[in-house]
Amino acid sequence: MKSTRKKTKAAAIARVPQDREEAVRAIGRIGALRRDIAAHKAKADRIVQKAGEQFDSDTADLRAELEEHERGVQTWCEANRNALTANGKVKYHEFGTGRINWRLKPPRVTVRGVEAVIETCRKLGFSSFLRETTEINKEAMLADPEKARMISGVSISSLGEDFVIEPAELETGKAGV
């Protein structure tokens, strides 16, 4: 069955300089546009920062009260845990206004003396507890490309080239830019 996927044409490039003079003007305009965008971004960042500070200020008392209530409810529930959990048969209690839960955190492994633990695992035959990794050292291949090219399946190439426009940084005389 054939794919019904439609091919799309590449969009036409609207602003192609026709000579060196137009290219010079276009590069200058690129620099001006980048500076304007950076100025707008800086202004937006300041607005977001001020909004965040205002939010923190506006909600500080609410967050403090919330924390006090949460600590108080937890303290009361811990003191009355057996009554709330039917002597530990369940890990939750339903109140009319909400529910509290006691949740086990996931287990974790802490290893002290890594080399000794590895050696003990080997002696006891617990190889499933050990992870052996072998990986290609691409940095070494780039350092010795002639030798690396001798290996089947290895090729050393460039990722191509990037076209970069670097407008000259001009003083604009605008305040705050």
N, C-alpha and C. Protein backbone atom coordinates (compact mmCIF):
# COMPACT_ATOMS: atom_id res chain seq x y z
N MET A 1 0.84 -1.18 0.00
CA MET A 1 0.00 0.00 0.00
C MET A 1 0.88 1.24 0.00
N LYS A 2 0.58 2.18 -0.86
CA LYS A 2 1.39 3.38 -0.98
C LYS A 2 1.06 4.38 0.11
N SER A 3 2.07 5.11 0.48
CA SER A 3 1.88 6.15 1.49
C SER A 3 1.18 7.34 0.86
N THR A 4 0.26 7.94 1.59
CA THR A 4 -0.47 9.10 1.07
C THR A 4 0.13 10.40 1.61
N ARG A 5 1.36 10.30 2.07
CA ARG A 5 2.02 11.46 2.64
C ARG A 5 2.34 12.46 1.54
N LYS A 6 1.95 13.72 1.76
CA LYS A 6 2.18 14.75 0.76
C LYS A 6 3.58 15.34 0.92
N LYS A 7 4.20 15.63 -0.20
CA LYS A 7 5.49 16.29 -0.17
C LYS A 7 5.25 17.79 -0.05
N THR A 8 6.07 18.42 0.76
CA THR A 8 5.94 19.87 0.91
C THR A 8 7.16 20.54 0.31
N LYS A 9 6.92 21.64 -0.35
CA LYS A 9 8.02 22.40 -0.94
C LYS A 9 8.69 23.22 0.14
N ALA A 10 9.97 23.43 -0.03
CA ALA A 10 10.68 24.32 0.89
C ALA A 10 10.16 25.73 0.68
N ALA A 11 10.01 26.45 1.76
CA ALA A 11 9.51 27.82 1.67
C ALA A 11 10.52 28.69 0.93
N ALA A 12 10.02 29.60 0.15
CA ALA A 12 10.89 30.51 -0.59
C ALA A 12 11.58 31.46 0.40
N ILE A 13 12.82 31.78 0.12
CA ILE A 13 13.57 32.71 0.97
C ILE A 13 13.23 34.11 0.50
N ALA A 14 12.63 34.88 1.39
CA ALA A 14 12.08 36.18 1.01
C ALA A 14 13.13 37.29 0.90
N ARG A 15 14.17 37.24 1.69
CA ARG A 15 15.11 38.37 1.73
C ARG A 15 16.51 37.92 1.32
N VAL A 16 16.73 37.77 0.05
CA VAL A 16 18.03 37.38 -0.47
C VAL A 16 18.71 38.62 -1.06
N PRO A 17 19.87 39.01 -0.50
CA PRO A 17 20.58 40.17 -1.06
C PRO A 17 20.97 39.90 -2.52
N GLN A 18 20.88 40.95 -3.32
CA GLN A 18 21.20 40.81 -4.74
C GLN A 18 22.63 41.24 -5.07
N ASP A 19 23.29 41.90 -4.11
CA ASP A 19 24.68 42.30 -4.33
C ASP A 19 25.35 42.50 -2.97
N ARG A 20 26.64 42.84 -3.03
CA ARG A 20 27.44 43.00 -1.80
C ARG A 20 26.87 44.09 -0.91
N GLU A 21 26.44 45.19 -1.49
CA GLU A 21 25.90 46.32 -0.72
C GLU A 21 24.67 45.89 0.08
N GLU A 22 23.78 45.15 -0.57
CA GLU A 22 22.58 44.67 0.13
C GLU A 22 22.95 43.66 1.22
N ALA A 23 23.97 42.84 0.99
CA ALA A 23 24.42 41.88 2.00
C ALA A 23 24.96 42.62 3.22
N VAL A 24 25.72 43.72 2.98
CA VAL A 24 26.25 44.53 4.09
C VAL A 24 25.10 45.09 4.91
N ARG A 25 24.09 45.65 4.23
CA ARG A 25 22.93 46.21 4.95
C ARG A 25 22.17 45.11 5.70
N ALA A 26 22.02 43.94 5.08
CA ALA A 26 21.29 42.84 5.72
C ALA A 26 22.00 42.37 6.98
N ILE A 27 23.33 42.26 6.93
CA ILE A 27 24.08 41.84 8.11
C ILE A 27 23.95 42.88 9.22
N GLY A 28 23.99 44.16 8.85
CA GLY A 28 23.77 45.22 9.85
C GLY A 28 22.39 45.11 10.47
N ARG A 29 21.39 44.83 9.64
CA ARG A 29 20.02 44.69 10.15
C ARG A 29 19.90 43.46 11.06
N ILE A 30 20.59 42.38 10.70
CA ILE A 30 20.60 41.18 11.55
C ILE A 30 21.13 41.53 12.93
N GLY A 31 22.22 42.29 12.98
CA GLY A 31 22.78 42.71 14.27
C GLY A 31 21.79 43.54 15.07
N ALA A 32 21.13 44.49 14.39
CA ALA A 32 20.15 45.34 15.07
C ALA A 32 18.98 44.51 15.59
N LEU A 33 18.49 43.58 14.77
CA LEU A 33 17.38 42.73 15.20
C LEU A 33 17.76 41.86 16.40
N ARG A 34 18.97 41.29 16.36
CA ARG A 34 19.42 40.46 17.49
C ARG A 34 19.51 41.29 18.77
N ARG A 35 20.02 42.52 18.66
CA ARG A 35 20.11 43.39 19.85
C ARG A 35 18.73 43.73 20.37
N ASP A 36 17.78 44.04 19.45
CA ASP A 36 16.42 44.35 19.88
C ASP A 36 15.76 43.15 20.57
N ILE A 37 15.95 41.98 20.00
CA ILE A 37 15.38 40.78 20.61
C ILE A 37 16.00 40.54 21.99
N ALA A 38 17.31 40.72 22.11
CA ALA A 38 17.98 40.54 23.40
C ALA A 38 17.46 41.54 24.43
N ALA A 39 17.22 42.79 23.98
CA ALA A 39 16.68 43.80 24.90
C ALA A 39 15.28 43.42 25.36
N HIS A 40 14.44 42.94 24.44
CA HIS A 40 13.09 42.51 24.81
C HIS A 40 13.14 41.32 25.77
N LYS A 41 14.07 40.39 25.51
CA LYS A 41 14.19 39.23 26.39
C LYS A 41 14.64 39.67 27.78
N ALA A 42 15.59 40.59 27.85
CA ALA A 42 16.05 41.08 29.15
C ALA A 42 14.91 41.74 29.91
N LYS A 43 14.10 42.52 29.19
CA LYS A 43 12.94 43.18 29.81
C LYS A 43 11.95 42.13 30.32
N ALA A 44 11.68 41.12 29.49
CA ALA A 44 10.75 40.05 29.89
C ALA A 44 11.30 39.29 31.10
N ASP A 45 12.61 39.03 31.11
CA ASP A 45 13.22 38.34 32.25
C ASP A 45 13.06 39.14 33.53
N ARG A 46 13.23 40.47 33.44
CA ARG A 46 13.06 41.33 34.63
C ARG A 46 11.61 41.28 35.11
N ILE A 47 10.66 41.30 34.17
CA ILE A 47 9.24 41.25 34.54
C ILE A 47 8.92 39.92 35.24
N VAL A 48 9.43 38.82 34.68
CA VAL A 48 9.19 37.50 35.27
C VAL A 48 9.82 37.43 36.66
N GLN A 49 11.03 37.97 36.80
CA GLN A 49 11.71 37.96 38.10
C GLN A 49 10.91 38.75 39.12
N LYS A 50 10.43 39.94 38.73
CA LYS A 50 9.63 40.76 39.64
C LYS A 50 8.33 40.06 40.01
N ALA A 51 7.70 39.39 39.04
CA ALA A 51 6.46 38.66 39.32
C ALA A 51 6.72 37.53 40.31
N GLY A 52 7.83 36.83 40.13
CA GLY A 52 8.19 35.75 41.06
C GLY A 52 8.43 36.28 42.46
N GLU A 53 9.14 37.40 42.55
CA GLU A 53 9.39 38.01 43.86
C GLU A 53 8.09 38.47 44.50
N GLN A 54 7.19 39.04 43.70
CA GLN A 54 5.90 39.49 44.22
C GLN A 54 5.08 38.29 44.70
N PHE A 55 5.09 37.21 43.93
CA PHE A 55 4.37 36.00 44.32
C PHE A 55 4.91 35.47 45.65
N ASP A 56 6.24 35.38 45.76
CA ASP A 56 6.84 34.90 47.01
C ASP A 56 6.44 35.78 48.18
N SER A 57 6.46 37.09 47.96
CA SER A 57 6.09 38.04 49.01
C SER A 57 4.61 37.90 49.38
N ASP A 58 3.75 37.80 48.37
CA ASP A 58 2.31 37.72 48.61
C ASP A 58 1.90 36.42 49.31
N THR A 59 2.64 35.34 49.08
CA THR A 59 2.23 34.05 49.62
C THR A 59 3.06 33.59 50.81
N ALA A 60 4.00 34.39 51.28
CA ALA A 60 4.86 33.98 52.39
C ALA A 60 4.05 33.62 53.63
N ASP A 61 3.10 34.47 54.01
CA ASP A 61 2.28 34.20 55.20
C ASP A 61 1.43 32.95 54.99
N LEU A 62 0.88 32.79 53.78
CA LEU A 62 0.06 31.62 53.49
C LEU A 62 0.88 30.34 53.58
N ARG A 63 2.10 30.37 53.02
CA ARG A 63 2.96 29.19 53.06
C ARG A 63 3.37 28.85 54.49
N ALA A 64 3.63 29.88 55.30
CA ALA A 64 3.99 29.64 56.70
C ALA A 64 2.83 29.01 57.46
N GLU A 65 1.62 29.53 57.24
CA GLU A 65 0.44 28.95 57.90
C GLU A 65 0.20 27.52 57.43
N LEU A 66 0.35 27.28 56.13
CA LEU A 66 0.18 25.94 55.57
C LEU A 66 1.15 24.96 56.23
N GLU A 67 2.41 25.36 56.34
CA GLU A 67 3.42 24.49 56.95
C GLU A 67 3.07 24.19 58.40
N GLU A 68 2.58 25.18 59.14
CA GLU A 68 2.19 24.96 60.54
C GLU A 68 1.04 23.96 60.62
N HIS A 69 0.03 24.12 59.76
CA HIS A 69 -1.10 23.18 59.77
C HIS A 69 -0.63 21.77 59.40
N GLU A 70 0.22 21.64 58.40
CA GLU A 70 0.70 20.33 57.98
C GLU A 70 1.48 19.64 59.09
N ARG A 71 2.38 20.38 59.74
CA ARG A 71 3.14 19.80 60.86
C ARG A 71 2.22 19.42 62.01
N GLY A 72 1.23 20.28 62.29
CA GLY A 72 0.30 19.99 63.38
C GLY A 72 -0.53 18.75 63.11
N VAL A 73 -1.08 18.64 61.89
CA VAL A 73 -1.88 17.46 61.54
C VAL A 73 -1.02 16.21 61.58
N GLN A 74 0.21 16.29 61.07
CA GLN A 74 1.08 15.12 61.10
C GLN A 74 1.37 14.70 62.53
N THR A 75 1.65 15.67 63.40
CA THR A 75 1.93 15.35 64.80
C THR A 75 0.73 14.66 65.45
N TRP A 76 -0.47 15.19 65.22
CA TRP A 76 -1.67 14.60 65.80
C TRP A 76 -1.92 13.20 65.24
N CYS A 77 -1.75 13.05 63.93
CA CYS A 77 -1.98 11.74 63.30
C CYS A 77 -0.97 10.71 63.78
N GLU A 78 0.29 11.11 63.94
CA GLU A 78 1.31 10.18 64.45
C GLU A 78 0.95 9.73 65.87
N ALA A 79 0.46 10.67 66.69
CA ALA A 79 0.08 10.34 68.06
C ALA A 79 -1.13 9.42 68.10
N ASN A 80 -1.99 9.49 67.10
CA ASN A 80 -3.22 8.70 67.07
C ASN A 80 -3.21 7.66 65.94
N ARG A 81 -2.03 7.25 65.52
CA ARG A 81 -1.89 6.38 64.35
C ARG A 81 -2.64 5.05 64.50
N ASN A 82 -2.54 4.41 65.65
CA ASN A 82 -3.22 3.12 65.82
C ASN A 82 -4.72 3.25 65.66
N ALA A 83 -5.30 4.28 66.22
CA ALA A 83 -6.75 4.47 66.11
C ALA A 83 -7.14 4.79 64.67
N LEU A 84 -6.31 5.56 63.98
CA LEU A 84 -6.63 5.98 62.61
C LEU A 84 -6.45 4.85 61.59
N THR A 85 -5.53 3.92 61.88
CA THR A 85 -5.19 2.87 60.90
C THR A 85 -5.69 1.49 61.31
N ALA A 86 -6.64 1.44 62.22
CA ALA A 86 -7.16 0.15 62.70
C ALA A 86 -6.01 -0.75 63.16
N ASN A 87 -5.20 -0.19 64.07
CA ASN A 87 -4.03 -0.89 64.62
C ASN A 87 -3.06 -1.36 63.53
N GLY A 88 -2.83 -0.49 62.54
CA GLY A 88 -1.84 -0.76 61.51
C GLY A 88 -2.32 -1.62 60.36
N LYS A 89 -3.61 -1.90 60.27
CA LYS A 89 -4.12 -2.73 59.17
C LYS A 89 -4.15 -1.97 57.85
N VAL A 90 -4.26 -0.66 57.90
CA VAL A 90 -4.24 0.17 56.69
C VAL A 90 -3.23 1.29 56.88
N LYS A 91 -2.86 1.93 55.79
CA LYS A 91 -1.86 3.00 55.83
C LYS A 91 -2.48 4.37 55.55
N TYR A 92 -3.79 4.50 55.73
CA TYR A 92 -4.46 5.76 55.43
C TYR A 92 -5.62 5.96 56.39
N HIS A 93 -6.14 7.16 56.40
CA HIS A 93 -7.38 7.44 57.12
C HIS A 93 -8.13 8.51 56.35
N GLU A 94 -9.41 8.28 56.21
CA GLU A 94 -10.27 9.20 55.47
C GLU A 94 -10.97 10.11 56.48
N PHE A 95 -10.74 11.42 56.35
CA PHE A 95 -11.47 12.41 57.12
C PHE A 95 -12.56 12.95 56.19
N GLY A 96 -13.50 13.65 56.71
CA GLY A 96 -14.54 14.22 55.84
C GLY A 96 -13.99 15.25 54.88
N THR A 97 -12.91 15.94 55.26
CA THR A 97 -12.36 17.02 54.43
C THR A 97 -11.13 16.60 53.65
N GLY A 98 -10.72 15.34 53.79
CA GLY A 98 -9.54 14.89 53.07
C GLY A 98 -9.02 13.59 53.63
N ARG A 99 -7.90 13.15 53.12
CA ARG A 99 -7.33 11.85 53.46
C ARG A 99 -5.86 12.03 53.80
N ILE A 100 -5.39 11.26 54.77
CA ILE A 100 -3.96 11.23 55.08
C ILE A 100 -3.45 9.82 54.77
N ASN A 101 -2.16 9.74 54.37
CA ASN A 101 -1.54 8.47 54.02
C ASN A 101 -0.16 8.38 54.65
N TRP A 102 0.23 7.18 54.99
CA TRP A 102 1.61 6.90 55.33
C TRP A 102 2.15 6.06 54.18
N ARG A 103 3.14 6.57 53.49
CA ARG A 103 3.69 5.86 52.32
C ARG A 103 5.14 5.48 52.59
N LEU A 104 5.47 4.25 52.24
CA LEU A 104 6.85 3.81 52.36
C LEU A 104 7.66 4.43 51.23
N LYS A 105 8.82 4.92 51.58
CA LYS A 105 9.72 5.43 50.55
C LYS A 105 10.37 4.23 49.86
N PRO A 106 10.77 4.40 48.59
CA PRO A 106 11.40 3.27 47.89
C PRO A 106 12.74 2.90 48.55
N PRO A 107 13.09 1.60 48.52
CA PRO A 107 14.36 1.18 49.12
C PRO A 107 15.54 1.74 48.34
N ARG A 108 16.67 1.86 49.03
CA ARG A 108 17.88 2.33 48.36
C ARG A 108 19.06 1.53 48.87
N VAL A 109 20.09 1.50 48.09
CA VAL A 109 21.30 0.77 48.44
C VAL A 109 22.39 1.79 48.72
N THR A 110 23.04 1.65 49.86
CA THR A 110 24.18 2.49 50.21
C THR A 110 25.39 1.58 50.31
N VAL A 111 26.47 1.93 49.64
CA VAL A 111 27.66 1.10 49.63
C VAL A 111 28.82 1.90 50.21
N ARG A 112 29.46 1.32 51.23
CA ARG A 112 30.67 1.91 51.80
C ARG A 112 31.81 0.94 51.51
N GLY A 113 32.93 1.45 51.07
CA GLY A 113 34.05 0.59 50.72
C GLY A 113 33.77 -0.17 49.44
N VAL A 114 33.63 0.55 48.34
CA VAL A 114 33.21 -0.03 47.06
C VAL A 114 34.11 -1.19 46.64
N GLU A 115 35.41 -1.01 46.72
CA GLU A 115 36.33 -2.07 46.27
C GLU A 115 36.14 -3.35 47.09
N ALA A 116 35.97 -3.21 48.41
CA ALA A 116 35.77 -4.39 49.27
C ALA A 116 34.45 -5.08 48.94
N VAL A 117 33.41 -4.31 48.67
CA VAL A 117 32.11 -4.88 48.33
C VAL A 117 32.20 -5.63 47.00
N ILE A 118 32.90 -5.05 46.02
CA ILE A 118 33.07 -5.72 44.72
C ILE A 118 33.80 -7.04 44.91
N GLU A 119 34.87 -7.02 45.69
CA GLU A 119 35.65 -8.24 45.92
C GLU A 119 34.80 -9.31 46.62
N THR A 120 34.01 -8.90 47.60
CA THR A 120 33.14 -9.84 48.32
C THR A 120 32.10 -10.44 47.38
N CYS A 121 31.51 -9.60 46.52
CA CYS A 121 30.53 -10.11 45.54
C CYS A 121 31.17 -11.14 44.63
N ARG A 122 32.40 -10.92 44.21
CA ARG A 122 33.10 -11.87 43.34
C ARG A 122 33.36 -13.19 44.09
N LYS A 123 33.83 -13.09 45.35
CA LYS A 123 34.13 -14.29 46.14
C LYS A 123 32.88 -15.13 46.38
N LEU A 124 31.76 -14.46 46.64
CA LEU A 124 30.52 -15.17 46.94
C LEU A 124 29.76 -15.61 45.68
N GLY A 125 30.25 -15.20 44.51
CA GLY A 125 29.61 -15.58 43.25
C GLY A 125 28.34 -14.79 42.95
N PHE A 126 28.24 -13.60 43.52
CA PHE A 126 27.08 -12.75 43.28
C PHE A 126 27.34 -11.83 42.09
N SER A 127 27.60 -12.43 40.92
CA SER A 127 27.95 -11.63 39.74
C SER A 127 26.78 -10.77 39.27
N SER A 128 25.55 -11.15 39.65
CA SER A 128 24.40 -10.33 39.23
C SER A 128 24.41 -8.97 39.91
N PHE A 129 25.18 -8.84 41.00
CA PHE A 129 25.28 -7.56 41.69
C PHE A 129 26.37 -6.67 41.09
N LEU A 130 27.10 -7.18 40.11
CA LEU A 130 28.19 -6.42 39.49
C LEU A 130 27.84 -6.07 38.06
N ARG A 131 28.26 -4.91 37.64
CA ARG A 131 28.00 -4.45 36.28
C ARG A 131 29.36 -4.17 35.62
N GLU A 132 29.65 -4.88 34.56
CA GLU A 132 30.89 -4.68 33.81
C GLU A 132 30.53 -3.95 32.53
N THR A 133 31.19 -2.84 32.26
CA THR A 133 30.88 -2.09 31.05
C THR A 133 32.13 -1.94 30.19
N THR A 134 31.94 -2.10 28.89
CA THR A 134 32.98 -1.85 27.90
C THR A 134 32.37 -0.91 26.88
N GLU A 135 33.07 0.16 26.60
CA GLU A 135 32.53 1.11 25.62
C GLU A 135 33.65 1.64 24.74
N ILE A 136 33.27 2.19 23.61
CA ILE A 136 34.21 2.74 22.64
C ILE A 136 34.72 4.09 23.14
N ASN A 137 36.04 4.27 23.07
CA ASN A 137 36.65 5.54 23.45
C ASN A 137 36.81 6.39 22.19
N LYS A 138 35.80 7.19 21.89
CA LYS A 138 35.81 8.00 20.67
C LYS A 138 36.88 9.08 20.71
N GLU A 139 37.19 9.58 21.90
CA GLU A 139 38.23 10.61 22.01
C GLU A 139 39.58 10.04 21.56
N ALA A 140 39.87 8.80 21.95
CA ALA A 140 41.13 8.17 21.53
C ALA A 140 41.14 7.95 20.02
N MET A 141 39.99 7.61 19.44
CA MET A 141 39.91 7.43 17.99
C MET A 141 40.15 8.74 17.26
N LEU A 142 39.61 9.83 17.79
CA LEU A 142 39.84 11.14 17.17
C LEU A 142 41.30 11.55 17.29
N ALA A 143 41.95 11.13 18.38
CA ALA A 143 43.36 11.46 18.57
C ALA A 143 44.26 10.66 17.63
N ASP A 144 43.84 9.47 17.21
CA ASP A 144 44.62 8.64 16.30
C ASP A 144 43.72 8.13 15.17
N PRO A 145 43.28 9.05 14.27
CA PRO A 145 42.31 8.68 13.25
C PRO A 145 42.81 7.63 12.25
N GLU A 146 44.10 7.62 11.95
CA GLU A 146 44.62 6.65 10.97
C GLU A 146 44.44 5.23 11.48
N LYS A 147 44.77 5.00 12.73
CA LYS A 147 44.62 3.67 13.32
C LYS A 147 43.13 3.32 13.43
N ALA A 148 42.30 4.29 13.80
CA ALA A 148 40.87 4.05 13.97
C ALA A 148 40.21 3.67 12.65
N ARG A 149 40.66 4.26 11.53
CA ARG A 149 40.06 3.96 10.22
C ARG A 149 40.32 2.52 9.78
N MET A 150 41.31 1.86 10.38
CA MET A 150 41.63 0.48 10.02
C MET A 150 40.58 -0.49 10.56
N ILE A 151 39.73 -0.03 11.48
CA ILE A 151 38.71 -0.89 12.10
C ILE A 151 37.45 -0.85 11.25
N SER A 152 36.97 -2.03 10.90
CA SER A 152 35.74 -2.12 10.12
C SER A 152 34.58 -1.57 10.95
N GLY A 153 33.78 -0.72 10.34
CA GLY A 153 32.64 -0.13 11.04
C GLY A 153 32.92 1.22 11.65
N VAL A 154 34.16 1.70 11.54
CA VAL A 154 34.52 3.00 12.11
C VAL A 154 34.85 3.95 10.97
N SER A 155 34.24 5.10 10.99
CA SER A 155 34.61 6.14 10.04
C SER A 155 34.77 7.43 10.81
N ILE A 156 35.70 8.24 10.37
CA ILE A 156 35.95 9.52 11.03
C ILE A 156 35.65 10.59 9.99
N SER A 157 34.71 11.45 10.32
CA SER A 157 34.32 12.49 9.37
C SER A 157 33.89 13.72 10.14
N SER A 158 33.71 14.79 9.40
CA SER A 158 33.22 16.04 9.97
C SER A 158 31.70 16.02 9.92
N LEU A 159 31.08 16.77 10.79
CA LEU A 159 29.63 16.89 10.77
C LEU A 159 29.17 17.92 9.74
N GLY A 160 30.08 18.39 8.93
CA GLY A 160 29.74 19.41 7.95
C GLY A 160 30.19 20.77 8.44
N GLU A 161 29.58 21.78 7.93
CA GLU A 161 29.96 23.13 8.35
C GLU A 161 28.71 23.93 8.65
N ASP A 162 28.86 24.88 9.52
CA ASP A 162 27.78 25.79 9.86
C ASP A 162 28.05 27.13 9.21
N PHE A 163 27.00 27.78 8.79
CA PHE A 163 27.11 29.15 8.28
C PHE A 163 26.76 30.06 9.44
N VAL A 164 27.67 30.95 9.81
CA VAL A 164 27.48 31.81 10.97
C VAL A 164 27.58 33.26 10.54
N ILE A 165 26.63 34.06 10.95
CA ILE A 165 26.66 35.50 10.70
C ILE A 165 27.01 36.17 12.01
N GLU A 166 28.09 36.95 12.01
CA GLU A 166 28.53 37.66 13.20
C GLU A 166 28.55 39.15 12.91
N PRO A 167 27.43 39.83 13.15
CA PRO A 167 27.40 41.27 12.91
C PRO A 167 28.36 41.99 13.86
N ALA A 168 28.94 43.08 13.37
CA ALA A 168 29.81 43.88 14.23
C ALA A 168 28.96 44.47 15.35
N GLU A 169 29.50 44.48 16.56
CA GLU A 169 28.76 45.04 17.69
C GLU A 169 28.91 46.55 17.65
N LEU A 170 27.82 47.21 17.38
CA LEU A 170 27.82 48.66 17.28
C LEU A 170 27.14 49.25 18.50
N GLU A 171 27.65 50.39 18.96
CA GLU A 171 27.00 51.10 20.05
C GLU A 171 25.73 51.72 19.50
N THR A 172 24.61 51.51 20.19
CA THR A 172 23.34 52.03 19.69
C THR A 172 22.94 53.33 20.36
N GLY A 173 23.49 53.59 21.51
CA GLY A 173 23.13 54.82 22.22
C GLY A 173 21.83 54.70 22.98
N LYS A 174 21.18 53.52 22.91
CA LYS A 174 19.94 53.31 23.64
C LYS A 174 20.27 52.98 25.09
N ALA A 175 19.51 53.53 26.02
CA ALA A 175 19.71 53.25 27.43
C ALA A 175 19.16 51.86 27.74
N GLY A 176 19.92 51.08 28.54
CA GLY A 176 19.44 49.78 28.96
C GLY A 176 19.59 48.70 27.93
N VAL A 177 20.28 48.94 26.82
CA VAL A 177 20.45 47.91 25.79
C VAL A 177 21.85 47.37 25.83
